[in-house]
C-alpha atoms as a PDB file:
ATOM      1  CA  MET A   1      69.634 -40.643 -20.155  1.00  0.00           C
ATOM      2  CA  ALA A   2      68.820 -38.614 -23.013  1.00  0.00           C
ATOM      3  CA  VAL A   3      72.267 -37.099 -22.919  1.00  0.00           C
ATOM      4  CA  PHE A   4      73.701 -40.565 -24.467  1.00  0.00           C
ATOM      5  CA  GLU A   5      71.139 -42.049 -26.936  1.00  0.00           C
ATOM      6  CA  LEU A   6      73.512 -42.422 -29.910  1.00  0.00           C
ATOM      7  CA  PHE A   7      76.011 -44.118 -27.857  1.00  0.00           C
ATOM      8  CA  THR A   8      76.278 -47.719 -28.253  1.00  0.00           C
ATOM      9  CA  ASP A   9      74.739 -49.480 -24.890  1.00  0.00           C
ATOM     10  CA  SER A  10      77.908 -50.321 -23.409  1.00  0.00           C
ATOM     11  CA  ALA A  11      78.679 -46.760 -24.169  1.00  0.00           C
ATOM     12  CA  GLU A  12      75.859 -45.260 -22.002  1.00  0.00           C
ATOM     13  CA  ALA A  13      77.160 -47.823 -18.926  1.00  0.00           C
ATOM     14  CA  VAL A  14      80.070 -46.877 -19.171  1.00  0.00           C
ATOM     15  CA  MET A  15      79.056 -43.272 -18.704  1.00  0.00           C
ATOM     16  CA  ARG A  16      76.804 -43.334 -16.380  1.00  0.00           C
ATOM     17  CA  HIS A  17      79.769 -45.122 -14.578  1.00  0.00           C
ATOM     18  CA  VAL A  18      81.548 -42.117 -15.395  1.00  0.00           C
ATOM     19  CA  VAL A  19      79.182 -39.383 -14.273  1.00  0.00           C
ATOM     20  CA  ASP A  20      78.527 -41.696 -11.034  1.00  0.00           C
ATOM     21  CA  GLU A  21      82.468 -41.397 -10.258  1.00  0.00           C
ATOM     22  CA  ALA A  22      82.674 -37.624 -11.048  1.00  0.00           C
ATOM     23  CA  ARG A  23      79.575 -37.417  -8.533  1.00  0.00           C
ATOM     24  CA  GLY A  24      81.111 -39.890  -5.545  1.00  0.00           C
ATOM     25  CA  VAL A  25      83.916 -37.014  -5.670  1.00  0.00           C
ATOM     26  CA  GLN A  26      81.644 -33.970  -5.937  1.00  0.00           C
ATOM     27  CA  ALA A  27      84.016 -33.205  -8.973  1.00  0.00           C
ATOM     28  CA  LYS A  28      82.307 -30.417 -10.748  1.00  0.00           C
ATOM     29  CA  GLU A  29      84.101 -31.842 -14.365  1.00  0.00           C
ATOM     30  CA  ILE A  30      84.809 -35.312 -15.562  1.00  0.00           C
ATOM     31  CA  GLU A  31      88.520 -35.415 -15.481  1.00  0.00           C
ATOM     32  CA  PRO A  32      90.564 -38.233 -16.983  1.00  0.00           C
ATOM     33  CA  VAL A  33      90.520 -40.308 -13.976  1.00  0.00           C
ATOM     34  CA  HIS A  34      86.926 -40.391 -13.945  1.00  0.00           C
ATOM     35  CA  LEU A  35      86.666 -41.998 -17.614  1.00  0.00           C
ATOM     36  CA  LEU A  36      89.277 -44.458 -16.240  1.00  0.00           C
ATOM     37  CA  LEU A  37      87.528 -45.809 -13.842  1.00  0.00           C
ATOM     38  CA  GLY A  38      84.289 -45.984 -15.399  1.00  0.00           C
ATOM     39  CA  ILE A  39      85.775 -47.797 -17.888  1.00  0.00           C
ATOM     40  CA  MET A  40      87.450 -50.477 -15.073  1.00  0.00           C
ATOM     41  CA  ASP A  41      83.722 -50.716 -13.603  1.00  0.00           C
ATOM     42  CA  HIS A  42      81.942 -52.257 -16.625  1.00  0.00           C
ATOM     43  CA  THR A  43      82.110 -56.078 -16.345  1.00  0.00           C
ATOM     44  CA  ASP A  44      82.425 -56.500 -19.988  1.00  0.00           C
ATOM     45  CA  GLY A  45      85.719 -54.230 -20.890  1.00  0.00           C
ATOM     46  CA  ILE A  46      89.187 -55.602 -21.424  1.00  0.00           C
ATOM     47  CA  ALA A  47      90.567 -52.342 -19.211  1.00  0.00           C
ATOM     48  CA  ARG A  48      88.452 -54.319 -16.148  1.00  0.00           C
ATOM     49  CA  HIS A  49      90.766 -57.532 -16.905  1.00  0.00           C
ATOM     50  CA  GLY A  50      94.025 -55.869 -17.703  1.00  0.00           C
ATOM     51  CA  ALA A  51      93.198 -53.682 -14.710  1.00  0.00           C
ATOM     52  CA  GLY A  52      93.603 -57.321 -12.090  1.00  0.00           C
ATOM     53  CA  GLY A  53      90.117 -56.661 -10.434  1.00  0.00           C
ATOM     54  CA  ARG A  54      92.121 -53.672  -8.286  1.00  0.00           C
ATOM     55  CA  ARG A  55      89.638 -51.420  -9.525  1.00  0.00           C
ATOM     56  CA  ASN A  56      89.074 -50.836  -5.197  1.00  0.00           C
ATOM     57  CA  ASP A  57      92.913 -50.601  -4.509  1.00  0.00           C
ATOM     58  CA  PRO A  58      93.356 -46.861  -2.501  1.00  0.00           C
ATOM     59  CA  ALA A  59      96.364 -46.531  -4.953  1.00  0.00           C
ATOM     60  CA  VAL A  60      94.303 -47.359  -8.342  1.00  0.00           C
ATOM     61  CA  ARG A  61      91.386 -44.569  -6.221  1.00  0.00           C
ATOM     62  CA  GLY A  62      94.158 -42.191  -5.968  1.00  0.00           C
ATOM     63  CA  GLN A  63      93.262 -42.626  -2.501  1.00  0.00           C
ATOM     64  CA  GLN A  64      96.234 -42.453   0.908  1.00  0.00           C
ATOM     65  CA  THR A  65      96.777 -45.381   2.670  1.00  0.00           C
END
């Protein structure tokens, strides 16, 4: 992605996840929740460990149970 060419490889990977998250819910804009989910998706990030592996938990994703 040329848009992220100045980013580190890690930051670029996170941003690819962020964009995928936003597109996945057909959002017109990237919102803070997409950033958080993108960071949590990045396997090397500390945020993934801090979430305790709850990435796919409906409560984390903001879905009704």
